[in-house]
Amino acid sequence: MRRRRLPRLYELVIGTVEEIEDHGAFVTLDEYGGIEAYVPLNEVSHSWFKSIREVIKVGQKRVFKVIRVDPRRGLVDVSLKRVSDGERKSKLQEWKRYQRAVKLLELAAKRLGRRPEEAMREAGWKLEDAYGEMLAGFEAAVREGKEALVRAGISEPWASMLYKLAKAYVRIPKVRVSGIFTVACLQGDGVERLRYILSSWSEVRSKYPEVEARFYVVGPPRYKIDVEAYDYKAAEGFLSEVVKRILSRAEEKGCRASFERIKG
């Protein structure tokens, strides 16, 4: 449920069709506690239709755009035809993420013996303020730890409980970048030179604590590196620095070296 009593003008909202009349339809706004909004007949569709019931049906959830708000009387008019395909898809994705966050907050409240309204006040609104949306706050907790919740102003016992739920129920896909080094040192002390060159990759790790990496032998003189991270820029930054160091050290030691990215 939103903090505001009424939506803003031109805001995209989720509405459930409750009643259909010849002159228009009445919908309840799911994000605003079920307040009623009106869809005028001429705001239903750009295309010609014989009956409004050909376009919308009772019980449907649709994305609408707010076209009039009367705060004094508490009246809201919305439009279906003014919502573009892109806006509809974006809003539905936002709505799904909102629902997931609300369910996690409700679960946290249940486990702490608190009311859902407390969860929104003590955590939900703070996550929204800090991260733009509530689920983004849970995702930050998965990536960065409980500190991401504390920074948002969430106190105990909420911070610990939300972090526990985030780790259990929020999945963030990682990006992976990989490549093959070919390094050959033909000198008499080639093994020592090779060890010096290849060990440089691990020296970069401390600068990228959020990155997971594996460096292993495919079959001399080929060595593979796999890099995983939640953030693509971090993975790319780590890999670029490793490549630069290994090639630089190979040149320093008079060894042949090259790097090839693995696509996909």
Protein backbone atom coordinates (compact mmCIF):
# COMPACT_ATOMS: atom_id res chain seq x y z
CA MET A 1 0.00 0.00 0.00
CA ARG A 2 1.30 3.44 -0.91
CA ARG A 3 1.93 6.13 1.69
CA ARG A 4 -0.17 8.67 -0.20
CA ARG A 5 -3.94 8.52 0.07
CA LEU A 6 -4.40 9.33 -3.62
CA PRO A 7 -2.28 8.75 -6.73
CA ARG A 8 -0.60 11.58 -8.59
CA LEU A 9 -1.75 12.98 -11.92
CA TYR A 10 -0.46 10.89 -14.85
CA GLU A 11 0.78 8.14 -12.52
CA LEU A 12 0.46 4.57 -13.76
CA VAL A 13 -1.65 2.44 -11.42
CA ILE A 14 -2.91 -1.12 -11.15
CA GLY A 15 -6.69 -1.33 -11.08
CA THR A 16 -9.17 -4.16 -10.67
CA VAL A 17 -12.38 -3.77 -12.71
CA GLU A 18 -15.30 -3.91 -10.27
CA GLU A 19 -18.31 -2.58 -12.18
CA ILE A 20 -19.09 -1.85 -15.83
CA GLU A 21 -21.75 0.63 -16.96
CA ASP A 22 -22.75 1.89 -20.40
CA HIS A 23 -21.02 5.21 -19.68
CA GLY A 24 -17.80 3.80 -18.29
CA ALA A 25 -16.36 1.51 -15.61
CA PHE A 26 -15.37 1.62 -11.96
CA VAL A 27 -12.10 0.11 -10.80
CA THR A 28 -10.42 -0.23 -7.41
CA LEU A 29 -6.78 0.82 -7.17
CA ASP A 30 -4.80 -2.05 -5.68
CA GLU A 31 -1.85 0.09 -4.53
CA TYR A 32 -4.06 2.63 -2.76
CA GLY A 33 -6.08 0.53 -0.38
CA GLY A 34 -8.79 -0.27 -2.89
CA ILE A 35 -10.05 3.29 -3.40
CA GLU A 36 -12.43 3.63 -6.33
CA ALA A 37 -11.55 5.26 -9.65
CA TYR A 38 -13.67 5.93 -12.71
CA VAL A 39 -12.83 5.07 -16.32
CA PRO A 40 -14.87 7.29 -18.70
CA LEU A 41 -16.18 5.52 -21.81
CA ASN A 42 -14.03 7.65 -24.13
CA GLU A 43 -10.88 6.65 -22.20
CA VAL A 44 -11.30 2.90 -22.71
CA SER A 45 -9.79 2.35 -26.16
CA HIS A 46 -8.45 4.07 -29.27
CA SER A 47 -10.20 1.47 -31.40
CA TRP A 48 -13.92 1.38 -32.15
CA PHE A 49 -15.98 -1.01 -30.04
CA LYS A 50 -19.65 -1.83 -29.89
CA SER A 51 -19.75 -2.48 -26.17
CA ILE A 52 -17.32 -1.54 -23.39
CA ARG A 53 -17.54 -5.17 -22.25
CA GLU A 54 -15.65 -6.16 -25.40
CA VAL A 55 -12.61 -4.31 -24.03
CA ILE A 56 -12.68 -4.88 -20.28
CA LYS A 57 -14.33 -7.42 -18.00
CA VAL A 58 -15.20 -7.48 -14.32
CA GLY A 59 -12.36 -8.95 -12.26
CA GLN A 60 -9.60 -8.02 -14.68
CA LYS A 61 -6.46 -6.32 -13.40
CA ARG A 62 -5.24 -3.68 -15.85
CA VAL A 63 -2.74 -0.85 -15.97
CA PHE A 64 -4.36 2.60 -16.03
CA LYS A 65 -3.07 6.17 -16.22
CA VAL A 66 -4.44 8.76 -13.81
CA ILE A 67 -5.99 11.67 -15.74
CA ARG A 68 -7.82 13.55 -12.98
CA VAL A 69 -7.47 13.81 -9.20
CA ASP A 70 -9.80 15.77 -6.93
CA PRO A 71 -8.14 15.63 -3.48
CA ARG A 72 -10.96 17.51 -1.77
CA ARG A 73 -13.64 15.07 -2.90
CA GLY A 74 -11.34 12.06 -3.12
CA LEU A 75 -12.23 11.42 -6.76
CA VAL A 76 -9.92 9.82 -9.31
CA ASP A 77 -10.42 9.32 -13.06
CA VAL A 78 -8.17 6.96 -15.00
CA SER A 79 -7.58 6.06 -18.63
CA LEU A 80 -6.86 2.71 -20.25
CA LYS A 81 -6.26 3.97 -23.79
CA ARG A 82 -3.49 6.40 -22.79
CA VAL A 83 -1.25 3.60 -21.51
CA SER A 84 1.37 2.58 -24.10
CA ASP A 85 2.59 -1.01 -24.46
CA GLY A 86 5.94 -0.02 -23.00
CA GLU A 87 4.34 1.66 -20.01
CA ARG A 88 2.09 -1.34 -19.42
CA LYS A 89 4.96 -3.81 -19.43
CA SER A 90 7.10 -1.61 -17.20
CA LYS A 91 4.28 -1.08 -14.69
CA LEU A 92 3.42 -4.78 -14.52
CA GLN A 93 7.07 -5.57 -13.79
CA GLU A 94 7.13 -2.89 -11.11
CA TRP A 95 3.89 -4.28 -9.64
CA LYS A 96 5.29 -7.82 -9.44
CA ARG A 97 8.39 -6.56 -7.65
CA TYR A 98 6.24 -4.50 -5.28
CA GLN A 99 4.13 -7.54 -4.42
CA ARG A 100 7.22 -9.66 -3.75
CA ALA A 101 8.57 -7.03 -1.39
CA VAL A 102 5.27 -6.70 0.44
CA LYS A 103 5.08 -10.48 0.95
CA LEU A 104 8.59 -10.47 2.43
CA LEU A 105 7.66 -7.63 4.77
CA GLU A 106 4.49 -9.43 5.83
CA LEU A 107 6.49 -12.59 6.50
CA ALA A 108 8.97 -10.61 8.58
CA ALA A 109 6.12 -9.10 10.60
CA LYS A 110 4.60 -12.53 11.19
CA ARG A 111 7.88 -14.01 12.41
CA LEU A 112 8.49 -11.06 14.72
CA GLY A 113 4.94 -11.09 16.05
CA ARG A 114 4.23 -7.63 14.62
CA ARG A 115 1.55 -6.20 12.35
CA PRO A 116 2.09 -5.71 8.58
CA GLU A 117 1.52 -1.98 9.02
CA GLU A 118 4.51 -1.86 11.36
CA ALA A 119 6.66 -3.62 8.76
CA MET A 120 5.83 -0.94 6.20
CA ARG A 121 6.50 1.88 8.64
CA GLU A 122 9.67 0.44 10.18
CA ALA A 123 11.19 -0.96 6.99
CA GLY A 124 9.17 -0.74 3.77
CA TRP A 125 9.04 3.03 3.40
CA LYS A 126 12.69 3.34 4.44
CA LEU A 127 13.75 0.88 1.74
CA GLU A 128 11.72 2.79 -0.82
CA ASP A 129 13.31 6.09 0.21
CA ALA A 130 16.85 4.67 0.15
CA TYR A 131 16.68 2.47 -2.95
CA GLY A 132 13.78 3.77 -5.02
CA GLU A 133 11.71 0.64 -4.48
CA MET A 134 11.41 -1.89 -1.68
CA LEU A 135 12.63 -4.99 -3.50
CA ALA A 136 15.76 -3.14 -4.60
CA GLY A 137 16.56 -2.78 -0.91
CA PHE A 138 16.28 -6.54 -0.38
CA GLU A 139 18.55 -7.07 -3.41
CA ALA A 140 21.09 -4.66 -1.94
CA ALA A 141 21.08 -6.73 1.26
CA VAL A 142 21.88 -9.88 -0.75
CA ARG A 143 24.78 -8.15 -2.48
CA GLU A 144 26.18 -6.08 0.39
CA GLY A 145 24.96 -7.70 3.61
CA LYS A 146 22.85 -6.42 6.46
CA GLU A 147 24.69 -3.10 6.34
CA ALA A 148 22.62 -2.18 3.27
CA LEU A 149 19.51 -2.29 5.48
CA VAL A 150 21.12 -0.43 8.36
CA ARG A 151 22.20 2.36 6.00
CA ALA A 152 18.56 2.73 5.00
CA GLY A 153 17.71 3.49 8.63
CA ILE A 154 16.24 0.10 9.54
CA SER A 155 16.83 -0.86 13.16
CA GLU A 156 16.75 -4.17 15.00
CA PRO A 157 15.09 -6.61 15.09
CA TRP A 158 13.84 -5.71 11.61
CA ALA A 159 17.28 -5.46 9.99
CA SER A 160 18.34 -8.97 11.02
CA MET A 161 15.02 -10.53 10.07
CA LEU A 162 14.87 -8.84 6.66
CA TYR A 163 18.46 -9.82 5.92
CA LYS A 164 17.65 -13.43 6.79
CA LEU A 165 14.63 -13.41 4.47
CA ALA A 166 16.56 -11.69 1.69
CA LYS A 167 19.23 -14.40 1.74
CA ALA A 168 16.57 -17.11 1.75
CA TYR A 169 14.14 -15.81 -0.87
CA VAL A 170 15.79 -13.18 -3.10
CA ARG A 171 17.83 -14.44 -6.03
CA ILE A 172 19.95 -12.08 -8.10
CA PRO A 173 21.51 -13.52 -11.26
CA LYS A 174 25.26 -13.06 -11.55
CA VAL A 175 27.10 -12.12 -14.72
CA ARG A 176 30.05 -14.19 -15.86
CA VAL A 177 33.00 -13.20 -18.03
CA SER A 178 35.70 -15.66 -19.01
CA GLY A 179 38.83 -15.89 -21.10
CA ILE A 180 41.89 -17.94 -21.97
CA PHE A 181 45.49 -16.89 -21.40
CA THR A 182 48.22 -18.50 -23.45
CA VAL A 183 51.56 -18.01 -21.71
CA ALA A 184 54.84 -19.68 -22.68
CA CYS A 185 58.26 -19.12 -21.09
CA LEU A 186 60.96 -21.04 -22.96
CA GLN A 187 63.91 -19.91 -20.83
CA GLY A 188 65.77 -22.29 -18.54
CA ASP A 189 64.02 -20.82 -15.50
CA GLY A 190 60.71 -20.71 -17.38
CA VAL A 191 58.75 -22.37 -14.57
CA GLU A 192 59.73 -19.65 -12.08
CA ARG A 193 58.95 -16.92 -14.60
CA LEU A 194 55.58 -18.48 -15.34
CA ARG A 195 54.72 -18.70 -11.66
CA TYR A 196 55.59 -15.02 -11.21
CA ILE A 197 53.44 -14.02 -14.18
CA LEU A 198 50.35 -16.07 -13.36
CA SER A 199 50.35 -15.24 -9.64
CA SER A 200 49.62 -11.62 -10.46
CA TRP A 201 45.90 -12.34 -10.96
CA SER A 202 45.39 -13.05 -7.25
CA GLU A 203 46.92 -9.68 -6.31
CA VAL A 204 43.93 -7.95 -7.89
CA ARG A 205 41.34 -9.79 -5.79
CA SER A 206 41.60 -7.57 -2.72
CA LYS A 207 40.48 -4.57 -4.80
CA TYR A 208 37.28 -6.35 -5.87
CA PRO A 209 35.77 -8.08 -2.80
CA GLU A 210 32.41 -8.36 -4.57
CA VAL A 211 33.90 -10.49 -7.36
CA GLU A 212 34.32 -14.27 -7.39
CA ALA A 213 37.06 -15.63 -9.66
CA ARG A 214 38.72 -18.93 -10.59
CA PHE A 215 42.04 -19.27 -12.40
CA TYR A 216 43.06 -22.76 -13.51
CA VAL A 217 45.04 -24.77 -16.03
CA VAL A 218 43.28 -25.92 -19.18
CA GLY A 219 46.47 -27.55 -20.44
CA PRO A 220 49.85 -25.78 -20.68
CA PRO A 221 50.32 -23.20 -22.07
CA ARG A 222 46.61 -22.37 -21.75
CA TYR A 223 45.05 -21.04 -18.53
CA LYS A 224 41.43 -20.07 -18.00
CA ILE A 225 39.89 -17.39 -15.81
CA ASP A 226 36.20 -17.26 -14.86
CA VAL A 227 34.87 -14.11 -13.19
CA GLU A 228 31.42 -13.76 -11.58
CA ALA A 229 29.76 -10.74 -9.99
CA TYR A 230 26.35 -9.18 -9.49
CA ASP A 231 27.57 -6.06 -11.28
CA TYR A 232 28.82 -6.35 -14.87
CA LYS A 233 31.13 -3.35 -14.51
CA ALA A 234 32.84 -4.91 -11.50
CA ALA A 235 33.42 -8.18 -13.36
CA GLU A 236 34.77 -6.36 -16.40
CA GLY A 237 36.95 -4.11 -14.29
CA PHE A 238 38.49 -7.05 -12.48
CA LEU A 239 39.13 -9.01 -15.67
CA SER A 240 40.65 -6.01 -17.48
CA GLU A 241 43.08 -5.40 -14.65
CA VAL A 242 44.09 -9.07 -14.49
CA VAL A 243 44.72 -9.16 -18.25
CA LYS A 244 46.80 -5.98 -18.06
CA ARG A 245 48.94 -7.34 -15.23
CA ILE A 246 49.59 -10.76 -16.72
CA LEU A 247 50.50 -9.44 -20.16
CA SER A 248 52.71 -6.76 -18.61
CA ARG A 249 54.58 -9.27 -16.47
CA ALA A 250 54.98 -11.63 -19.40
CA GLU A 251 56.61 -8.87 -21.41
CA GLU A 252 58.80 -7.99 -18.43
CA LYS A 253 60.05 -11.60 -18.20
CA GLY A 254 60.50 -12.08 -21.94
CA CYS A 255 57.68 -14.64 -22.29
CA ARG A 256 55.04 -14.94 -24.98
CA ALA A 257 51.50 -14.21 -23.80
CA SER A 258 48.08 -13.51 -25.27
CA PHE A 259 44.49 -13.35 -24.05
CA GLU A 260 41.28 -14.38 -25.79
CA ARG A 261 37.77 -13.62 -24.51
CA ILE A 262 35.27 -16.45 -24.45
CA LYS A 263 31.95 -15.25 -25.83
CA GLY A 264 28.65 -16.21 -24.32
